[in-house]
C-alpha atoms as a PDB file:
ATOM      1  CA  MET A   1       0.000   0.000   0.000  1.00  0.00           C
ATOM      2  CA  SER A   2       1.027   3.655  -0.315  1.00  0.00           C
ATOM      3  CA  SER A   3       1.670   6.094   2.525  1.00  0.00           C
ATOM      4  CA  LEU A   4       3.093   9.530   3.043  1.00  0.00           C
ATOM      5  CA  ARG A   5       6.859   9.568   2.701  1.00  0.00           C
ATOM      6  CA  LYS A   6       8.684   9.291   6.017  1.00  0.00           C
ATOM      7  CA  GLU A   7       9.946  12.911   6.094  1.00  0.00           C
ATOM      8  CA  LEU A   8       6.334  14.128   6.262  1.00  0.00           C
ATOM      9  CA  GLN A   9       4.670  11.582   8.501  1.00  0.00           C
ATOM     10  CA  SER A  10       4.431  13.980  11.457  1.00  0.00           C
ATOM     11  CA  ILE A  11       2.358  16.583   9.606  1.00  0.00           C
ATOM     12  CA  GLY A  12      -1.412  16.969   9.644  1.00  0.00           C
ATOM     13  CA  ALA A  13      -2.081  19.128   6.589  1.00  0.00           C
ATOM     14  CA  ILE A  14      -0.686  19.820   3.144  1.00  0.00           C
ATOM     15  CA  ALA A  15      -1.172  23.051   1.224  1.00  0.00           C
ATOM     16  CA  PHE A  16      -0.761  22.696  -2.525  1.00  0.00           C
ATOM     17  CA  ASP A  17       0.121  25.565  -4.810  1.00  0.00           C
ATOM     18  CA  LEU A  18      -1.801  25.109  -8.063  1.00  0.00           C
ATOM     19  CA  ASP A  19      -0.238  26.104 -11.388  1.00  0.00           C
ATOM     20  CA  GLY A  20       3.075  24.314 -11.803  1.00  0.00           C
ATOM     21  CA  VAL A  21       2.394  21.942  -8.918  1.00  0.00           C
ATOM     22  CA  LEU A  22      -0.928  20.262  -9.665  1.00  0.00           C
ATOM     23  CA  TYR A  23      -1.300  21.312 -13.292  1.00  0.00           C
ATOM     24  CA  GLU A  24       0.484  23.182 -16.035  1.00  0.00           C
ATOM     25  CA  GLY A  25      -1.667  25.160 -18.431  1.00  0.00           C
ATOM     26  CA  HIS A  26      -4.692  22.975 -19.124  1.00  0.00           C
ATOM     27  CA  THR A  27      -3.125  19.644 -18.164  1.00  0.00           C
ATOM     28  CA  PRO A  28      -2.754  18.036 -14.707  1.00  0.00           C
ATOM     29  CA  ILE A  29       0.788  17.076 -13.712  1.00  0.00           C
ATOM     30  CA  PRO A  30       1.094  13.298 -14.324  1.00  0.00           C
ATOM     31  CA  GLY A  31       0.056  11.486 -11.161  1.00  0.00           C
ATOM     32  CA  ALA A  32      -1.166  14.630  -9.380  1.00  0.00           C
ATOM     33  CA  LEU A  33      -4.774  13.460  -9.118  1.00  0.00           C
ATOM     34  CA  GLU A  34      -3.690  10.209  -7.497  1.00  0.00           C
ATOM     35  CA  ALA A  35      -1.222  11.978  -5.187  1.00  0.00           C
ATOM     36  CA  VAL A  36      -3.839  14.360  -3.788  1.00  0.00           C
ATOM     37  CA  ALA A  37      -6.274  11.473  -3.347  1.00  0.00           C
ATOM     38  CA  ALA A  38      -3.599   9.483  -1.494  1.00  0.00           C
ATOM     39  CA  VAL A  39      -2.871  12.427   0.811  1.00  0.00           C
ATOM     40  CA  ARG A  40      -6.560  12.624   1.693  1.00  0.00           C
ATOM     41  CA  ALA A  41      -6.702   8.845   2.191  1.00  0.00           C
ATOM     42  CA  ALA A  42      -3.801   9.148   4.635  1.00  0.00           C
ATOM     43  CA  GLY A  43      -6.069  11.339   6.793  1.00  0.00           C
ATOM     44  CA  LEU A  44      -4.408  14.691   6.123  1.00  0.00           C
ATOM     45  CA  LEU A  45      -6.212  17.970   5.626  1.00  0.00           C
ATOM     46  CA  VAL A  46      -5.769  19.379   2.123  1.00  0.00           C
ATOM     47  CA  ARG A  47      -5.797  23.028   1.107  1.00  0.00           C
ATOM     48  CA  PHE A  48      -5.354  24.405  -2.384  1.00  0.00           C
ATOM     49  CA  VAL A  49      -3.644  27.801  -2.220  1.00  0.00           C
ATOM     50  CA  THR A  50      -3.275  30.369  -4.965  1.00  0.00           C
ATOM     51  CA  ASN A  51      -2.575  34.048  -5.541  1.00  0.00           C
ATOM     52  CA  THR A  52      -5.463  34.359  -8.002  1.00  0.00           C
ATOM     53  CA  THR A  53      -7.379  37.547  -7.171  1.00  0.00           C
ATOM     54  CA  SER A  54      -9.890  37.613 -10.021  1.00  0.00           C
ATOM     55  CA  LEU A  55     -11.872  34.481  -9.063  1.00  0.00           C
ATOM     56  CA  SER A  56     -13.699  33.364  -5.944  1.00  0.00           C
ATOM     57  CA  ARG A  57     -12.625  30.208  -4.174  1.00  0.00           C
ATOM     58  CA  ARG A  58     -15.774  28.485  -5.490  1.00  0.00           C
ATOM     59  CA  LEU A  59     -14.785  29.200  -9.076  1.00  0.00           C
ATOM     60  CA  ILE A  60     -11.214  28.083  -8.389  1.00  0.00           C
ATOM     61  CA  ALA A  61     -12.566  24.837  -6.915  1.00  0.00           C
ATOM     62  CA  ASP A  62     -14.755  24.374  -9.996  1.00  0.00           C
ATOM     63  CA  LYS A  63     -11.641  24.602 -12.164  1.00  0.00           C
ATOM     64  CA  LEU A  64      -9.905  21.959 -10.066  1.00  0.00           C
ATOM     65  CA  VAL A  65     -12.932  19.680 -10.328  1.00  0.00           C
ATOM     66  CA  ARG A  66     -12.848  20.006 -14.117  1.00  0.00           C
ATOM     67  CA  PHE A  67      -9.264  18.714 -13.962  1.00  0.00           C
ATOM     68  CA  GLY A  68     -10.500  15.755 -11.903  1.00  0.00           C
ATOM     69  CA  PHE A  69      -9.463  16.818  -8.383  1.00  0.00           C
ATOM     70  CA  ASP A  70     -11.751  16.359  -5.386  1.00  0.00           C
ATOM     71  CA  ALA A  71     -12.100  20.011  -4.381  1.00  0.00           C
ATOM     72  CA  GLY A  72     -14.715  22.224  -2.770  1.00  0.00           C
ATOM     73  CA  ALA A  73     -14.768  25.933  -2.005  1.00  0.00           C
ATOM     74  CA  ASN A  74     -13.815  25.301   1.625  1.00  0.00           C
ATOM     75  CA  ASP A  75     -10.645  23.555   0.456  1.00  0.00           C
ATOM     76  CA  VAL A  76      -9.359  26.669  -1.336  1.00  0.00           C
ATOM     77  CA  LEU A  77      -7.455  29.570   0.186  1.00  0.00           C
ATOM     78  CA  CYS A  78      -7.017  32.585  -2.057  1.00  0.00           C
ATOM     79  CA  PRO A  79      -6.293  36.251  -1.253  1.00  0.00           C
ATOM     80  CA  ALA A  80      -9.977  37.250  -1.370  1.00  0.00           C
ATOM     81  CA  ARG A  81     -10.894  34.549   1.139  1.00  0.00           C
ATOM     82  CA  ALA A  82      -7.974  35.431   3.430  1.00  0.00           C
ATOM     83  CA  ALA A  83      -8.799  39.152   3.307  1.00  0.00           C
ATOM     84  CA  ALA A  84     -12.491  38.547   3.940  1.00  0.00           C
ATOM     85  CA  ALA A  85     -11.736  36.370   6.965  1.00  0.00           C
ATOM     86  CA  TRP A  86      -9.576  39.172   8.387  1.00  0.00           C
ATOM     87  CA  LEU A  87     -12.266  41.804   7.749  1.00  0.00           C
ATOM     88  CA  LEU A  88     -14.909  39.664   9.455  1.00  0.00           C
ATOM     89  CA  ARG A  89     -12.621  39.018  12.406  1.00  0.00           C
ATOM     90  CA  GLU A  90     -11.954  42.757  12.722  1.00  0.00           C
ATOM     91  CA  LYS A  91     -15.671  43.573  12.238  1.00  0.00           C
ATOM     92  CA  ALA A  92     -14.520  46.042   9.587  1.00  0.00           C
ATOM     93  CA  THR A  93     -16.672  47.612   6.883  1.00  0.00           C
ATOM     94  CA  ALA A  94     -15.086  47.768   3.448  1.00  0.00           C
ATOM     95  CA  ALA A  95     -15.091  49.406   0.042  1.00  0.00           C
ATOM     96  CA  LEU A  96     -14.308  46.601  -2.399  1.00  0.00           C
ATOM     97  CA  PHE A  97     -12.272  47.261  -5.531  1.00  0.00           C
ATOM     98  CA  VAL A  98     -12.198  43.635  -6.632  1.00  0.00           C
ATOM     99  CA  ALA A  99     -13.311  41.669  -9.684  1.00  0.00           C
ATOM    100  CA  ASP A 100     -16.983  40.738  -9.845  1.00  0.00           C
ATOM    101  CA  ALA A 101     -16.060  37.038  -9.980  1.00  0.00           C
ATOM    102  CA  ALA A 102     -14.345  37.339  -6.572  1.00  0.00           C
ATOM    103  CA  LEU A 103     -17.049  39.319  -4.763  1.00  0.00           C
ATOM    104  CA  GLU A 104     -18.856  36.277  -3.367  1.00  0.00           C
ATOM    105  CA  ASP A 105     -15.868  35.566  -1.117  1.00  0.00           C
ATOM    106  CA  PHE A 106     -16.714  38.781   0.735  1.00  0.00           C
ATOM    107  CA  ASN A 107     -20.230  37.672   1.682  1.00  0.00           C
ATOM    108  CA  GLY A 108     -20.870  38.818   5.233  1.00  0.00           C
ATOM    109  CA  VAL A 109     -18.490  41.779   5.037  1.00  0.00           C
ATOM    110  CA  VAL A 110     -20.483  45.002   5.463  1.00  0.00           C
ATOM    111  CA  PRO A 111     -19.982  47.231   2.392  1.00  0.00           C
ATOM    112  CA  ASP A 112     -19.416  50.949   2.872  1.00  0.00           C
ATOM    113  CA  GLU A 113     -18.702  53.325  -0.009  1.00  0.00           C
ATOM    114  CA  GLU A 114     -18.676  56.472   2.142  1.00  0.00           C
ATOM    115  CA  GLN A 115     -16.576  55.957   5.285  1.00  0.00           C
ATOM    116  CA  PRO A 116     -15.248  52.371   5.216  1.00  0.00           C
ATOM    117  CA  ASP A 117     -12.890  50.902   7.763  1.00  0.00           C
ATOM    118  CA  ALA A 118     -10.913  49.293   4.925  1.00  0.00           C
ATOM    119  CA  VAL A 119     -10.343  49.777   1.211  1.00  0.00           C
ATOM    120  CA  VAL A 120      -9.684  46.447  -0.518  1.00  0.00           C
ATOM    121  CA  ILE A 121      -7.636  46.505  -3.719  1.00  0.00           C
ATOM    122  CA  GLY A 122      -7.770  43.585  -6.148  1.00  0.00           C
ATOM    123  CA  ASP A 123      -7.233  43.033  -9.861  1.00  0.00           C
ATOM    124  CA  LEU A 124      -9.807  45.006 -11.850  1.00  0.00           C
ATOM    125  CA  GLU A 125      -7.879  44.642 -15.130  1.00  0.00           C
ATOM    126  CA  SER A 126      -9.242  47.255 -17.562  1.00  0.00           C
ATOM    127  CA  GLY A 127     -11.670  48.375 -14.850  1.00  0.00           C
ATOM    128  CA  TRP A 128      -8.870  50.445 -13.368  1.00  0.00           C
ATOM    129  CA  THR A 129      -9.451  53.983 -14.642  1.00  0.00           C
ATOM    130  CA  PHE A 130      -8.196  57.245 -13.183  1.00  0.00           C
ATOM    131  CA  ASP A 131     -11.593  57.903 -11.602  1.00  0.00           C
ATOM    132  CA  VAL A 132     -11.763  54.457 -10.005  1.00  0.00           C
ATOM    133  CA  LEU A 133      -8.213  54.654  -8.653  1.00  0.00           C
ATOM    134  CA  ASN A 134      -8.806  58.189  -7.400  1.00  0.00           C
ATOM    135  CA  ARG A 135     -11.988  57.107  -5.609  1.00  0.00           C
ATOM    136  CA  ALA A 136     -10.022  54.410  -3.780  1.00  0.00           C
ATOM    137  CA  PHE A 137      -7.392  57.017  -2.906  1.00  0.00           C
ATOM    138  CA  ARG A 138      -9.962  59.439  -1.517  1.00  0.00           C
ATOM    139  CA  LEU A 139     -11.649  56.812   0.634  1.00  0.00           C
ATOM    140  CA  ALA A 140      -8.354  55.716   2.165  1.00  0.00           C
ATOM    141  CA  HIS A 141      -6.855  59.213   2.474  1.00  0.00           C
ATOM    142  CA  ARG A 142      -9.813  61.262   3.622  1.00  0.00           C
ATOM    143  CA  HIS A 143     -11.183  58.874   6.223  1.00  0.00           C
ATOM    144  CA  GLY A 144      -8.034  56.999   7.226  1.00  0.00           C
ATOM    145  CA  ALA A 145      -9.368  53.628   6.085  1.00  0.00           C
ATOM    146  CA  ARG A 146      -6.952  50.699   6.245  1.00  0.00           C
ATOM    147  CA  LEU A 147      -5.549  49.810   2.833  1.00  0.00           C
ATOM    148  CA  VAL A 148      -5.851  46.082   2.117  1.00  0.00           C
ATOM    149  CA  GLY A 149      -4.234  44.467  -0.921  1.00  0.00           C
ATOM    150  CA  LEU A 150      -5.030  41.092  -2.460  1.00  0.00           C
ATOM    151  CA  GLY A 151      -1.423  40.702  -3.560  1.00  0.00           C
ATOM    152  CA  ARG A 152       1.696  42.445  -4.838  1.00  0.00           C
ATOM    153  CA  THR A 153       2.065  40.579  -8.123  1.00  0.00           C
ATOM    154  CA  ARG A 154       3.353  43.083 -10.689  1.00  0.00           C
ATOM    155  CA  TYR A 155       2.166  41.467 -13.885  1.00  0.00           C
ATOM    156  CA  TRP A 156       1.136  38.180 -15.412  1.00  0.00           C
ATOM    157  CA  LYS A 157       1.047  36.538 -18.804  1.00  0.00           C
ATOM    158  CA  ALA A 158      -2.459  36.861 -20.228  1.00  0.00           C
ATOM    159  CA  PRO A 159      -3.503  35.235 -23.528  1.00  0.00           C
ATOM    160  CA  GLN A 160      -2.997  38.586 -25.249  1.00  0.00           C
ATOM    161  CA  GLY A 161       0.397  39.219 -23.641  1.00  0.00           C
ATOM    162  CA  LEU A 162       1.865  40.646 -20.428  1.00  0.00           C
ATOM    163  CA  GLN A 163      -0.702  42.447 -18.305  1.00  0.00           C
ATOM    164  CA  LEU A 164      -0.501  44.558 -15.152  1.00  0.00           C
ATOM    165  CA  ASP A 165      -1.690  42.845 -11.981  1.00  0.00           C
ATOM    166  CA  VAL A 166      -2.776  44.300  -8.644  1.00  0.00           C
ATOM    167  CA  GLY A 167       0.732  45.247  -7.399  1.00  0.00           C
ATOM    168  CA  PRO A 168       1.321  48.469  -9.365  1.00  0.00           C
ATOM    169  CA  PHE A 169      -2.086  49.888  -8.430  1.00  0.00           C
ATOM    170  CA  LEU A 170      -1.607  49.029  -4.772  1.00  0.00           C
ATOM    171  CA  ALA A 171       1.873  50.602  -4.833  1.00  0.00           C
ATOM    172  CA  ALA A 172       0.457  53.796  -6.333  1.00  0.00           C
ATOM    173  CA  LEU A 173      -2.093  54.060  -3.536  1.00  0.00           C
ATOM    174  CA  GLU A 174       0.515  53.346  -0.852  1.00  0.00           C
ATOM    175  CA  GLN A 175       2.706  56.082  -2.322  1.00  0.00           C
ATOM    176  CA  ALA A 176      -0.160  58.570  -2.451  1.00  0.00           C
ATOM    177  CA  ILE A 177      -1.492  57.810   1.021  1.00  0.00           C
ATOM    178  CA  GLY A 178       1.886  57.369   2.689  1.00  0.00           C
ATOM    179  CA  LYS A 179       0.886  54.120   4.398  1.00  0.00           C
ATOM    180  CA  THR A 180       1.766  50.469   3.860  1.00  0.00           C
ATOM    181  CA  ALA A 181      -1.086  48.104   3.037  1.00  0.00           C
ATOM    182  CA  ILE A 182      -1.780  44.835   4.762  1.00  0.00           C
ATOM    183  CA  VAL A 183      -1.480  42.289   1.963  1.00  0.00           C
ATOM    184  CA  PHE A 184      -3.073  38.859   1.601  1.00  0.00           C
ATOM    185  CA  GLY A 185      -1.258  36.763  -0.965  1.00  0.00           C
ATOM    186  CA  LYS A 186       1.962  34.804  -1.138  1.00  0.00           C
ATOM    187  CA  PRO A 187       4.649  35.557   0.009  1.00  0.00           C
ATOM    188  CA  GLU A 188       3.094  37.905   2.584  1.00  0.00           C
ATOM    189  CA  PRO A 189       3.035  36.688   6.222  1.00  0.00           C
ATOM    190  CA  ALA A 190      -0.683  37.515   6.517  1.00  0.00           C
ATOM    191  CA  PHE A 191      -1.508  34.910   3.881  1.00  0.00           C
ATOM    192  CA  PHE A 192       0.269  32.096   5.701  1.00  0.00           C
ATOM    193  CA  ALA A 193      -1.224  33.263   9.002  1.00  0.00           C
ATOM    194  CA  ALA A 194      -4.653  32.874   7.386  1.00  0.00           C
ATOM    195  CA  LEU A 195      -3.698  29.349   6.265  1.00  0.00           C
ATOM    196  CA  ILE A 196      -2.656  28.399   9.799  1.00  0.00           C
ATOM    197  CA  ASP A 197      -5.921  29.811  11.171  1.00  0.00           C
ATOM    198  CA  GLU A 198      -7.932  27.817   8.627  1.00  0.00           C
ATOM    199  CA  VAL A 199      -6.415  24.398   9.292  1.00  0.00           C
ATOM    200  CA  ARG A 200      -6.125  24.991  13.056  1.00  0.00           C
ATOM    201  CA  LEU A 201      -2.828  23.196  13.385  1.00  0.00           C
ATOM    202  CA  PRO A 202       0.603  24.356  14.566  1.00  0.00           C
ATOM    203  CA  ALA A 203       2.639  25.764  11.678  1.00  0.00           C
ATOM    204  CA  ASP A 204       5.219  23.001  11.897  1.00  0.00           C
ATOM    205  CA  ARG A 205       2.512  20.398  11.185  1.00  0.00           C
ATOM    206  CA  ILE A 206       1.627  22.007   7.840  1.00  0.00           C
ATOM    207  CA  ALA A 207       3.606  21.399   4.648  1.00  0.00           C
ATOM    208  CA  MET A 208       3.526  23.897   1.804  1.00  0.00           C
ATOM    209  CA  ILE A 209       4.147  22.327  -1.618  1.00  0.00           C
ATOM    210  CA  GLY A 210       5.251  24.805  -4.267  1.00  0.00           C
ATOM    211  CA  ASP A 211       7.322  25.408  -7.378  1.00  0.00           C
ATOM    212  CA  ASP A 212       8.390  28.935  -6.416  1.00  0.00           C
ATOM    213  CA  ILE A 213      11.444  28.863  -4.144  1.00  0.00           C
ATOM    214  CA  VAL A 214      10.712  32.354  -2.770  1.00  0.00           C
ATOM    215  CA  SER A 215       6.951  32.950  -2.701  1.00  0.00           C
ATOM    216  CA  ASP A 216       5.894  29.382  -1.917  1.00  0.00           C
ATOM    217  CA  VAL A 217       8.717  27.656  -0.088  1.00  0.00           C
ATOM    218  CA  GLY A 218      10.832  30.385   1.487  1.00  0.00           C
ATOM    219  CA  ALA A 219       7.848  32.421   2.670  1.00  0.00           C
ATOM    220  CA  ALA A 220       6.162  29.328   4.113  1.00  0.00           C
ATOM    221  CA  MET A 221       9.308  28.372   6.002  1.00  0.00           C
ATOM    222  CA  ASP A 222       9.587  31.919   7.368  1.00  0.00           C
ATOM    223  CA  ALA A 223       6.067  31.424   8.741  1.00  0.00           C
ATOM    224  CA  GLY A 224       7.119  28.193  10.437  1.00  0.00           C
ATOM    225  CA  LEU A 225       5.665  25.752   7.896  1.00  0.00           C
ATOM    226  CA  ILE A 226       7.533  22.876   6.268  1.00  0.00           C
ATOM    227  CA  GLY A 227       8.637  23.980   2.799  1.00  0.00           C
ATOM    228  CA  VAL A 228       8.601  21.404  -0.012  1.00  0.00           C
ATOM    229  CA  LEU A 229       9.881  22.365  -3.460  1.00  0.00           C
ATOM    230  CA  VAL A 230       8.795  20.425  -6.545  1.00  0.00           C
ATOM    231  CA  ARG A 231      10.913  20.156  -9.678  1.00  0.00           C
ATOM    232  CA  THR A 232       7.951  21.014 -11.907  1.00  0.00           C
ATOM    233  CA  GLY A 233       6.403  24.279 -13.086  1.00  0.00           C
ATOM    234  CA  LYS A 234       8.733  27.248 -12.729  1.00  0.00           C
ATOM    235  CA  PHE A 235      11.441  25.278 -10.891  1.00  0.00           C
ATOM    236  CA  ARG A 236      14.991  25.781 -12.158  1.00  0.00           C
ATOM    237  CA  PRO A 237      18.131  23.982 -10.863  1.00  0.00           C
ATOM    238  CA  SER A 238      19.555  27.387  -9.936  1.00  0.00           C
ATOM    239  CA  ASP A 239      16.787  27.700  -7.329  1.00  0.00           C
ATOM    240  CA  LEU A 240      18.826  25.378  -5.113  1.00  0.00           C
ATOM    241  CA  GLU A 241      21.923  27.556  -5.329  1.00  0.00           C
ATOM    242  CA  GLY A 242      20.510  30.472  -3.334  1.00  0.00           C
ATOM    243  CA  THR A 243      20.090  31.163   0.363  1.00  0.00           C
ATOM    244  CA  ILE A 244      16.755  29.362   0.694  1.00  0.00           C
ATOM    245  CA  GLN A 245      17.216  25.680   1.453  1.00  0.00           C
ATOM    246  CA  PRO A 246      13.879  23.801   1.324  1.00  0.00           C
ATOM    247  CA  ASP A 247      13.060  21.248   3.964  1.00  0.00           C
ATOM    248  CA  LEU A 248      12.450  18.790   1.142  1.00  0.00           C
ATOM    249  CA  VAL A 249      12.926  18.741  -2.645  1.00  0.00           C
ATOM    250  CA  ILE A 250      10.911  16.264  -4.707  1.00  0.00           C
ATOM    251  CA  ASP A 251      10.539  15.567  -8.421  1.00  0.00           C
ATOM    252  CA  SER A 252       6.772  16.157  -8.383  1.00  0.00           C
ATOM    253  CA  VAL A 253       3.770  15.804  -6.072  1.00  0.00           C
ATOM    254  CA  VAL A 254       3.795  12.090  -6.911  1.00  0.00           C
ATOM    255  CA  SER A 255       6.904  11.828  -4.718  1.00  0.00           C
ATOM    256  CA  LEU A 256       4.882  12.792  -1.645  1.00  0.00           C
ATOM    257  CA  ILE A 257       3.761   9.201  -1.533  1.00  0.00           C
ATOM    258  CA  GLY A 258       6.189   6.395  -0.792  1.00  0.00           C
ATOM    259  CA  ALA A 259       5.825   2.663  -0.569  1.00  0.00           C
ATOM    260  CA  GLY A 260       4.389   1.657   2.747  1.00  0.00           C
END
């Protein structure tokens, strides 16, 4: 029978990055479906974590299901979910500058477009106009609302080419307001704190599986999690020549499972 490899047998939860770890483009990594199923069968909690800011966790879960993974909305942690959990915990009202497809993750958060406690900045793509950005600035500047970012990603590769992400717009607002935002998204500490809160386990009993040596593995280890680097996705051999030394390096998620 199969079981979790011996280096990970003391953990209680595994957090999987998505693109490059479980799938690449429109194709699951070979063996990834079986690996995730085996992790669940071993009794571990599973979370799927991503920096996607333009989709709700339900829509992200739907995408995983189309690939064949057993995934529900409650299994997904994304910046919108992490930010919403913080807002609810703080009992904070919010002005939401986020994509329509991500709004459902903020159900329960009290909206306020006049004097909010927080201004939440996500990826509006072409929805970012001067007037929209200036309205966010005024709400945060005039009333002292807390600036909340759903990430600091600078750009991404869209089908039509490179495209600005949330980071530049958040940086512009920070510069104008003169305050630093609290940011939910890898590699920010707040994101991994939200993950720890969700699984309700000590950090050292959670493994983060990623293909990004800095944002996935290094940041997770800084938060006290076990960092596991996969040699798929964006991995390059030079990743292992830097200052970050993962707790474990594996060929792919298939290697999480060893003969038992």
